[in-house]
Amino acid sequence: RTRELLSTPPQAGENYLLVAHGPNLVEVMDYFP
C-alpha cells in the first residue's frame, strides 16, 4: 500500500500527504527518517 501511494500520481495540480512511520519507509526503500 505504501508503494502504491508513493507511485500513483495525484490528480492534476494536487499534492497528497501520507502520515505514517519510519519503519514503513525502511521496508520500501531502506530509509529510516
PDB file of all heavy atoms in Angstrom:
ATOM      1  N   ARG A   1       0.825  -1.206   0.000  1.00  0.00           N
ATOM      2  CA  ARG A   1       0.000   0.000   0.000  1.00  0.00           C
ATOM      3  C   ARG A   1       0.861   1.259   0.000  1.00  0.00           C
ATOM      4  O   ARG A   1       0.552   2.237  -0.705  1.00  0.00           O
ATOM      5  CB  ARG A   1      -0.915  -0.012   1.221  1.00  0.00           C
ATOM      6  CG  ARG A   1      -1.797   1.226   1.362  1.00  0.00           C
ATOM      7  CD  ARG A   1      -2.665   1.462   0.144  1.00  0.00           C
ATOM      8  NE  ARG A   1      -3.631   2.539   0.374  1.00  0.00           N
ATOM      9  CZ  ARG A   1      -4.264   3.197  -0.582  1.00  0.00           C
ATOM     10  NH1 ARG A   1      -4.044   2.877  -1.866  1.00  0.00           N
ATOM     11  NH2 ARG A   1      -5.122   4.150  -0.299  1.00  0.00           N
ATOM     12  N   THR A   2       1.924   1.253   0.784  1.00  0.00           N
ATOM     13  CA  THR A   2       2.818   2.406   0.814  1.00  0.00           C
ATOM     14  C   THR A   2       3.436   2.643  -0.551  1.00  0.00           C
ATOM     15  O   THR A   2       3.486   3.787  -1.039  1.00  0.00           O
ATOM     16  CB  THR A   2       3.924   2.204   1.870  1.00  0.00           C
ATOM     17  OG1 THR A   2       3.326   1.960   3.147  1.00  0.00           O
ATOM     18  CG2 THR A   2       4.812   3.439   1.975  1.00  0.00           C
ATOM     19  N   ARG A   3       3.907   1.584  -1.196  1.00  0.00           N
ATOM     20  CA  ARG A   3       4.468   1.722  -2.539  1.00  0.00           C
ATOM     21  C   ARG A   3       3.428   2.228  -3.530  1.00  0.00           C
ATOM     22  O   ARG A   3       3.719   3.062  -4.389  1.00  0.00           O
ATOM     23  CB  ARG A   3       5.016   0.372  -3.009  1.00  0.00           C
ATOM     24  CG  ARG A   3       6.347  -0.005  -2.371  1.00  0.00           C
ATOM     25  CD  ARG A   3       6.808  -1.365  -2.825  1.00  0.00           C
ATOM     26  NE  ARG A   3       8.147  -1.664  -2.326  1.00  0.00           N
ATOM     27  CZ  ARG A   3       8.626  -2.884  -2.170  1.00  0.00           C
ATOM     28  NH1 ARG A   3       7.873  -3.935  -2.488  1.00  0.00           N
ATOM     29  NH2 ARG A   3       9.846  -3.068  -1.713  1.00  0.00           N
ATOM     30  N   GLU A   4       2.207   1.727  -3.395  1.00  0.00           N
ATOM     31  CA  GLU A   4       1.134   2.168  -4.295  1.00  0.00           C
ATOM     32  C   GLU A   4       0.878   3.663  -4.153  1.00  0.00           C
ATOM     33  O   GLU A   4       0.760   4.390  -5.152  1.00  0.00           O
ATOM     34  CB  GLU A   4      -0.141   1.389  -3.986  1.00  0.00           C
ATOM     35  CG  GLU A   4      -1.346   1.829  -4.813  1.00  0.00           C
ATOM     36  CD  GLU A   4      -2.639   1.181  -4.355  1.00  0.00           C
ATOM     37  OE1 GLU A   4      -2.652   0.519  -3.294  1.00  0.00           O
ATOM     38  OE2 GLU A   4      -3.663   1.365  -5.051  1.00  0.00           O
ATOM     39  N   LEU A   5       0.790   4.138  -2.916  1.00  0.00           N
ATOM     40  CA  LEU A   5       0.518   5.557  -2.690  1.00  0.00           C
ATOM     41  C   LEU A   5       1.671   6.441  -3.159  1.00  0.00           C
ATOM     42  O   LEU A   5       1.441   7.545  -3.683  1.00  0.00           O
ATOM     43  CB  LEU A   5       0.238   5.806  -1.205  1.00  0.00           C
ATOM     44  CG  LEU A   5      -1.098   5.271  -0.688  1.00  0.00           C
ATOM     45  CD1 LEU A   5      -1.163   5.339   0.829  1.00  0.00           C
ATOM     46  CD2 LEU A   5      -2.265   6.041  -1.303  1.00  0.00           C
ATOM     47  N   LEU A   6       2.904   5.982  -2.986  1.00  0.00           N
ATOM     48  CA  LEU A   6       4.061   6.766  -3.427  1.00  0.00           C
ATOM     49  C   LEU A   6       4.217   6.760  -4.938  1.00  0.00           C
ATOM     50  O   LEU A   6       4.818   7.677  -5.504  1.00  0.00           O
ATOM     51  CB  LEU A   6       5.342   6.221  -2.781  1.00  0.00           C
ATOM     52  CG  LEU A   6       5.469   6.353  -1.261  1.00  0.00           C
ATOM     53  CD1 LEU A   6       6.765   5.721  -0.787  1.00  0.00           C
ATOM     54  CD2 LEU A   6       5.401   7.809  -0.828  1.00  0.00           C
ATOM     55  N   SER A   7       3.668   5.748  -5.596  1.00  0.00           N
ATOM     56  CA  SER A   7       3.875   5.575  -7.037  1.00  0.00           C
ATOM     57  C   SER A   7       2.737   6.139  -7.888  1.00  0.00           C
ATOM     58  O   SER A   7       2.894   6.296  -9.104  1.00  0.00           O
ATOM     59  CB  SER A   7       4.039   4.084  -7.367  1.00  0.00           C
ATOM     60  OG  SER A   7       5.094   3.511  -6.638  1.00  0.00           O
ATOM     61  N   THR A   8       1.597   6.429  -7.271  1.00  0.00           N
ATOM     62  CA  THR A   8       0.417   6.871  -8.015  1.00  0.00           C
ATOM     63  C   THR A   8       0.350   8.391  -8.075  1.00  0.00           C
ATOM     64  O   THR A   8       0.241   9.054  -7.033  1.00  0.00           O
ATOM     65  CB  THR A   8      -0.866   6.330  -7.367  1.00  0.00           C
ATOM     66  OG1 THR A   8      -0.773   4.907  -7.261  1.00  0.00           O
ATOM     67  CG2 THR A   8      -2.084   6.711  -8.196  1.00  0.00           C
ATOM     68  N   PRO A   9       0.416   8.980  -9.265  1.00  0.00           N
ATOM     69  CA  PRO A   9       0.368  10.450  -9.365  1.00  0.00           C
ATOM     70  C   PRO A   9      -0.960  11.003  -8.853  1.00  0.00           C
ATOM     71  O   PRO A   9      -2.023  10.414  -9.083  1.00  0.00           O
ATOM     72  CB  PRO A   9       0.516  10.703 -10.880  1.00  0.00           C
ATOM     73  CG  PRO A   9       1.152   9.459 -11.415  1.00  0.00           C
ATOM     74  CD  PRO A   9       0.619   8.342 -10.581  1.00  0.00           C
ATOM     75  N   PRO A  10      -0.931  12.123  -8.150  1.00  0.00           N
ATOM     76  CA  PRO A  10      -2.175  12.769  -7.723  1.00  0.00           C
ATOM     77  C   PRO A  10      -2.933  13.319  -8.938  1.00  0.00           C
ATOM     78  O   PRO A  10      -2.411  13.359 -10.051  1.00  0.00           O
ATOM     79  CB  PRO A  10      -1.685  13.909  -6.822  1.00  0.00           C
ATOM     80  CG  PRO A  10      -0.258  13.624  -6.542  1.00  0.00           C
ATOM     81  CD  PRO A  10       0.256  12.838  -7.697  1.00  0.00           C
ATOM     82  N   GLN A  11      -4.149  13.748  -8.674  1.00  0.00           N
ATOM     83  CA  GLN A  11      -4.889  14.449  -9.718  1.00  0.00           C
ATOM     84  C   GLN A  11      -4.120  15.702 -10.120  1.00  0.00           C
ATOM     85  O   GLN A  11      -3.321  16.240  -9.345  1.00  0.00           O
ATOM     86  CB  GLN A  11      -6.285  14.826  -9.207  1.00  0.00           C
ATOM     87  CG  GLN A  11      -7.184  13.647  -8.869  1.00  0.00           C
ATOM     88  CD  GLN A  11      -7.576  12.860 -10.099  1.00  0.00           C
ATOM     89  OE1 GLN A  11      -7.869  13.427 -11.150  1.00  0.00           O
ATOM     90  NE2 GLN A  11      -7.577  11.533  -9.983  1.00  0.00           N
ATOM     91  N   ALA A  12      -4.348  16.184 -11.334  1.00  0.00           N
ATOM     92  CA  ALA A  12      -3.618  17.337 -11.856  1.00  0.00           C
ATOM     93  C   ALA A  12      -3.690  18.516 -10.885  1.00  0.00           C
ATOM     94  O   ALA A  12      -4.762  18.883 -10.401  1.00  0.00           O
ATOM     95  CB  ALA A  12      -4.182  17.740 -13.215  1.00  0.00           C
ATOM     96  N   GLY A  13      -2.519  19.071 -10.568  1.00  0.00           N
ATOM     97  CA  GLY A  13      -2.441  20.236  -9.707  1.00  0.00           C
ATOM     98  C   GLY A  13      -2.561  19.945  -8.226  1.00  0.00           C
ATOM     99  O   GLY A  13      -2.583  20.878  -7.411  1.00  0.00           O
ATOM    100  N   GLU A  14      -2.609  18.663  -7.852  1.00  0.00           N
ATOM    101  CA  GLU A  14      -2.787  18.313  -6.455  1.00  0.00           C
ATOM    102  C   GLU A  14      -1.534  17.664  -5.865  1.00  0.00           C
ATOM    103  O   GLU A  14      -0.716  17.099  -6.584  1.00  0.00           O
ATOM    104  CB  GLU A  14      -3.978  17.350  -6.287  1.00  0.00           C
ATOM    105  CG  GLU A  14      -5.308  17.966  -6.695  1.00  0.00           C
ATOM    106  CD  GLU A  14      -6.491  17.062  -6.372  1.00  0.00           C
ATOM    107  OE1 GLU A  14      -6.268  15.964  -5.804  1.00  0.00           O
ATOM    108  OE2 GLU A  14      -7.639  17.447  -6.680  1.00  0.00           O
ATOM    109  N   ASN A  15      -1.404  17.781  -4.553  1.00  0.00           N
ATOM    110  CA  ASN A  15      -0.359  17.096  -3.792  1.00  0.00           C
ATOM    111  C   ASN A  15      -1.015  16.262  -2.710  1.00  0.00           C
ATOM    112  O   ASN A  15      -2.012  16.692  -2.109  1.00  0.00           O
ATOM    113  CB  ASN A  15       0.593  18.099  -3.114  1.00  0.00           C
ATOM    114  CG  ASN A  15       1.423  18.897  -4.097  1.00  0.00           C
ATOM    115  OD1 ASN A  15       1.972  18.354  -5.044  1.00  0.00           O
ATOM    116  ND2 ASN A  15       1.522  20.199  -3.863  1.00  0.00           N
ATOM    117  N   TYR A  16      -0.468  15.067  -2.438  1.00  0.00           N
ATOM    118  CA  TYR A  16      -1.001  14.209  -1.385  1.00  0.00           C
ATOM    119  C   TYR A  16       0.023  14.061  -0.264  1.00  0.00           C
ATOM    120  O   TYR A  16       1.229  14.109  -0.497  1.00  0.00           O
ATOM    121  CB  TYR A  16      -1.353  12.826  -1.926  1.00  0.00           C
ATOM    122  CG  TYR A  16      -2.466  12.808  -2.960  1.00  0.00           C
ATOM    123  CD1 TYR A  16      -2.698  11.667  -3.727  1.00  0.00           C
ATOM    124  CD2 TYR A  16      -3.287  13.912  -3.192  1.00  0.00           C
ATOM    125  CE1 TYR A  16      -3.697  11.625  -4.673  1.00  0.00           C
ATOM    126  CE2 TYR A  16      -4.294  13.884  -4.145  1.00  0.00           C
ATOM    127  CZ  TYR A  16      -4.494  12.734  -4.891  1.00  0.00           C
ATOM    128  OH  TYR A  16      -5.485  12.697  -5.828  1.00  0.00           O
ATOM    129  N   LEU A  17      -0.470  13.863   0.932  1.00  0.00           N
ATOM    130  CA  LEU A  17       0.382  13.699   2.108  1.00  0.00           C
ATOM    131  C   LEU A  17       0.070  12.370   2.793  1.00  0.00           C
ATOM    132  O   LEU A  17      -1.102  12.059   3.045  1.00  0.00           O
ATOM    133  CB  LEU A  17       0.151  14.855   3.088  1.00  0.00           C
ATOM    134  CG  LEU A  17       0.849  14.773   4.453  1.00  0.00           C
ATOM    135  CD1 LEU A  17       2.360  14.880   4.295  1.00  0.00           C
ATOM    136  CD2 LEU A  17       0.321  15.861   5.393  1.00  0.00           C
ATOM    137  N   LEU A  18       1.122  11.596   3.084  1.00  0.00           N
ATOM    138  CA  LEU A  18       0.988  10.383   3.887  1.00  0.00           C
ATOM    139  C   LEU A  18       1.625  10.671   5.240  1.00  0.00           C
ATOM    140  O   LEU A  18       2.738  11.198   5.302  1.00  0.00           O
ATOM    141  CB  LEU A  18       1.709   9.195   3.248  1.00  0.00           C
ATOM    142  CG  LEU A  18       1.567   8.958   1.739  1.00  0.00           C
ATOM    143  CD1 LEU A  18       2.323   7.695   1.342  1.00  0.00           C
ATOM    144  CD2 LEU A  18       0.115   8.878   1.342  1.00  0.00           C
ATOM    145  N   VAL A  19       0.937  10.325   6.316  1.00  0.00           N
ATOM    146  CA  VAL A  19       1.498  10.483   7.660  1.00  0.00           C
ATOM    147  C   VAL A  19       1.579   9.093   8.273  1.00  0.00           C
ATOM    148  O   VAL A  19       0.551   8.461   8.531  1.00  0.00           O
ATOM    149  CB  VAL A  19       0.651  11.422   8.533  1.00  0.00           C
ATOM    150  CG1 VAL A  19       1.301  11.605   9.898  1.00  0.00           C
ATOM    151  CG2 VAL A  19       0.485  12.778   7.842  1.00  0.00           C
ATOM    152  N   ALA A  20       2.787   8.623   8.469  1.00  0.00           N
ATOM    153  CA  ALA A  20       2.961   7.242   8.907  1.00  0.00           C
ATOM    154  C   ALA A  20       4.246   7.099   9.723  1.00  0.00           C
ATOM    155  O   ALA A  20       4.615   8.016  10.465  1.00  0.00           O
ATOM    156  CB  ALA A  20       2.914   6.290   7.708  1.00  0.00           C
ATOM    157  N   HIS A  21       4.951   5.989   9.536  1.00  0.00           N
ATOM    158  CA  HIS A  21       6.014   5.591  10.456  1.00  0.00           C
ATOM    159  C   HIS A  21       7.329   5.301   9.752  1.00  0.00           C
ATOM    160  O   HIS A  21       7.347   4.837   8.614  1.00  0.00           O
ATOM    161  CB  HIS A  21       5.557   4.366  11.238  1.00  0.00           C
ATOM    162  CG  HIS A  21       4.203   4.529  11.851  1.00  0.00           C
ATOM    163  ND1 HIS A  21       4.017   5.128  13.072  1.00  0.00           N
ATOM    164  CD2 HIS A  21       2.961   4.214  11.385  1.00  0.00           C
ATOM    165  CE1 HIS A  21       2.719   5.168  13.353  1.00  0.00           C
ATOM    166  NE2 HIS A  21       2.056   4.613  12.343  1.00  0.00           N
ATOM    167  N   GLY A  22       8.434   5.557  10.471  1.00  0.00           N
ATOM    168  CA  GLY A  22       9.761   5.347   9.912  1.00  0.00           C
ATOM    169  C   GLY A  22      10.020   3.932   9.428  1.00  0.00           C
ATOM    170  O   GLY A  22      10.524   3.734   8.310  1.00  0.00           O
ATOM    171  N   PRO A  23       9.696   2.889  10.215  1.00  0.00           N
ATOM    172  CA  PRO A  23       9.967   1.528   9.764  1.00  0.00           C
ATOM    173  C   PRO A  23       9.259   1.163   8.463  1.00  0.00           C
ATOM    174  O   PRO A  23       9.741   0.312   7.708  1.00  0.00           O
ATOM    175  CB  PRO A  23       9.461   0.667  10.934  1.00  0.00           C
ATOM    176  CG  PRO A  23       9.610   1.548  12.130  1.00  0.00           C
ATOM    177  CD  PRO A  23       9.258   2.929  11.630  1.00  0.00           C
ATOM    178  N   ASN A  24       8.129   1.814   8.192  1.00  0.00           N
ATOM    179  CA  ASN A  24       7.418   1.532   6.946  1.00  0.00           C
ATOM    180  C   ASN A  24       8.256   1.935   5.736  1.00  0.00           C
ATOM    181  O   ASN A  24       8.302   1.232   4.722  1.00  0.00           O
ATOM    182  CB  ASN A  24       6.083   2.272   6.918  1.00  0.00           C
ATOM    183  CG  ASN A  24       5.167   1.868   8.059  1.00  0.00           C
ATOM    184  OD1 ASN A  24       5.631   1.485   9.128  1.00  0.00           O
ATOM    185  ND2 ASN A  24       3.873   1.941   7.852  1.00  0.00           N
ATOM    186  N   LEU A  25       8.929   3.074   5.855  1.00  0.00           N
ATOM    187  CA  LEU A  25       9.748   3.534   4.741  1.00  0.00           C
ATOM    188  C   LEU A  25      11.022   2.696   4.620  1.00  0.00           C
ATOM    189  O   LEU A  25      11.551   2.522   3.519  1.00  0.00           O
ATOM    190  CB  LEU A  25      10.091   5.016   4.916  1.00  0.00           C
ATOM    191  CG  LEU A  25      10.254   5.833   3.626  1.00  0.00           C
ATOM    192  CD1 LEU A  25       9.018   5.704   2.739  1.00  0.00           C
ATOM    193  CD2 LEU A  25      10.516   7.289   3.939  1.00  0.00           C
ATOM    194  N   VAL A  26      11.487   2.170   5.745  1.00  0.00           N
ATOM    195  CA  VAL A  26      12.631   1.260   5.692  1.00  0.00           C
ATOM    196  C   VAL A  26      12.296   0.063   4.804  1.00  0.00           C
ATOM    197  O   VAL A  26      13.107  -0.376   3.983  1.00  0.00           O
ATOM    198  CB  VAL A  26      13.011   0.771   7.109  1.00  0.00           C
ATOM    199  CG1 VAL A  26      14.059  -0.341   7.029  1.00  0.00           C
ATOM    200  CG2 VAL A  26      13.532   1.918   7.950  1.00  0.00           C
ATOM    201  N   GLU A  27      11.090  -0.466   4.954  1.00  0.00           N
ATOM    202  CA  GLU A  27      10.680  -1.629   4.174  1.00  0.00           C
ATOM    203  C   GLU A  27      10.576  -1.314   2.686  1.00  0.00           C
ATOM    204  O   GLU A  27      10.767  -2.184   1.841  1.00  0.00           O
ATOM    205  CB  GLU A  27       9.327  -2.148   4.681  1.00  0.00           C
ATOM    206  CG  GLU A  27       9.337  -2.648   6.116  1.00  0.00           C
ATOM    207  CD  GLU A  27      10.094  -3.949   6.279  1.00  0.00           C
ATOM    208  OE1 GLU A  27      10.327  -4.634   5.273  1.00  0.00           O
ATOM    209  OE2 GLU A  27      10.457  -4.286   7.431  1.00  0.00           O
ATOM    210  N   VAL A  28      10.268  -0.070   2.368  1.00  0.00           N
ATOM    211  CA  VAL A  28      10.060   0.319   0.966  1.00  0.00           C
ATOM    212  C   VAL A  28      11.365   0.720   0.283  1.00  0.00           C
ATOM    213  O   VAL A  28      11.601   0.368  -0.873  1.00  0.00           O
ATOM    214  CB  VAL A  28       9.043   1.481   0.889  1.00  0.00           C
ATOM    215  CG1 VAL A  28       8.957   2.045  -0.532  1.00  0.00           C
ATOM    216  CG2 VAL A  28       7.670   0.995   1.339  1.00  0.00           C
ATOM    217  N   MET A  29      12.233   1.463   0.996  1.00  0.00           N
ATOM    218  CA  MET A  29      13.428   1.983   0.338  1.00  0.00           C
ATOM    219  C   MET A  29      14.661   2.021   1.236  1.00  0.00           C
ATOM    220  O   MET A  29      15.602   2.751   0.963  1.00  0.00           O
ATOM    221  CB  MET A  29      13.152   3.381  -0.223  1.00  0.00           C
ATOM    222  CG  MET A  29      12.667   4.388   0.820  1.00  0.00           C
ATOM    223  SD  MET A  29      12.241   6.014   0.141  1.00  0.00           S
ATOM    224  CE  MET A  29      13.829   6.605  -0.431  1.00  0.00           C
ATOM    225  N   ASP A  30      14.640   1.254   2.325  1.00  0.00           N
ATOM    226  CA  ASP A  30      15.801   1.154   3.213  1.00  0.00           C
ATOM    227  C   ASP A  30      16.220   2.526   3.756  1.00  0.00           C
ATOM    228  O   ASP A  30      17.405   2.831   3.851  1.00  0.00           O
ATOM    229  CB  ASP A  30      16.971   0.477   2.486  1.00  0.00           C
ATOM    230  CG  ASP A  30      18.026  -0.044   3.454  1.00  0.00           C
ATOM    231  OD1 ASP A  30      17.645  -0.370   4.595  1.00  0.00           O
ATOM    232  OD2 ASP A  30      19.206  -0.114   3.087  1.00  0.00           O
ATOM    233  N   TYR A  31      15.222   3.334   4.103  1.00  0.00           N
ATOM    234  CA  TYR A  31      15.481   4.677   4.637  1.00  0.00           C
ATOM    235  C   TYR A  31      14.660   4.859   5.903  1.00  0.00           C
ATOM    236  O   TYR A  31      13.433   4.738   5.874  1.00  0.00           O
ATOM    237  CB  TYR A  31      15.108   5.719   3.586  1.00  0.00           C
ATOM    238  CG  TYR A  31      15.134   7.167   4.051  1.00  0.00           C
ATOM    239  CD1 TYR A  31      15.981   7.606   5.066  1.00  0.00           C
ATOM    240  CD2 TYR A  31      14.312   8.115   3.446  1.00  0.00           C
ATOM    241  CE1 TYR A  31      15.997   8.927   5.482  1.00  0.00           C
ATOM    242  CE2 TYR A  31      14.332   9.444   3.847  1.00  0.00           C
ATOM    243  CZ  TYR A  31      15.166   9.841   4.864  1.00  0.00           C
ATOM    244  OH  TYR A  31      15.178  11.155   5.276  1.00  0.00           O
ATOM    245  N   PHE A  32      15.335   5.151   7.010  1.00  0.00           N
ATOM    246  CA  PHE A  32      14.668   5.360   8.289  1.00  0.00           C
ATOM    247  C   PHE A  32      14.722   6.846   8.632  1.00  0.00           C
ATOM    248  O   PHE A  32      15.713   7.329   9.190  1.00  0.00           O
ATOM    249  CB  PHE A  32      15.339   4.531   9.377  1.00  0.00           C
ATOM    250  CG  PHE A  32      14.577   4.508  10.675  1.00  0.00           C
ATOM    251  CD1 PHE A  32      13.401   3.785  10.789  1.00  0.00           C
ATOM    252  CD2 PHE A  32      15.031   5.212  11.779  1.00  0.00           C
ATOM    253  CE1 PHE A  32      12.692   3.762  11.989  1.00  0.00           C
ATOM    254  CE2 PHE A  32      14.342   5.204  12.981  1.00  0.00           C
ATOM    255  CZ  PHE A  32      13.162   4.467  13.080  1.00  0.00           C
ATOM    256  N   PRO A  33      13.672   7.596   8.304  1.00  0.00           N
ATOM    257  CA  PRO A  33      13.690   9.047   8.554  1.00  0.00           C
ATOM    258  C   PRO A  33      13.519   9.364  10.033  1.00  0.00           C
ATOM    259  O   PRO A  33      12.945   8.580  10.802  1.00  0.00           O
ATOM    260  CB  PRO A  33      12.492   9.549   7.742  1.00  0.00           C
ATOM    261  CG  PRO A  33      11.550   8.380   7.734  1.00  0.00           C
ATOM    262  CD  PRO A  33      12.418   7.157   7.687  1.00  0.00           C
TER     263      PRO A  33
END
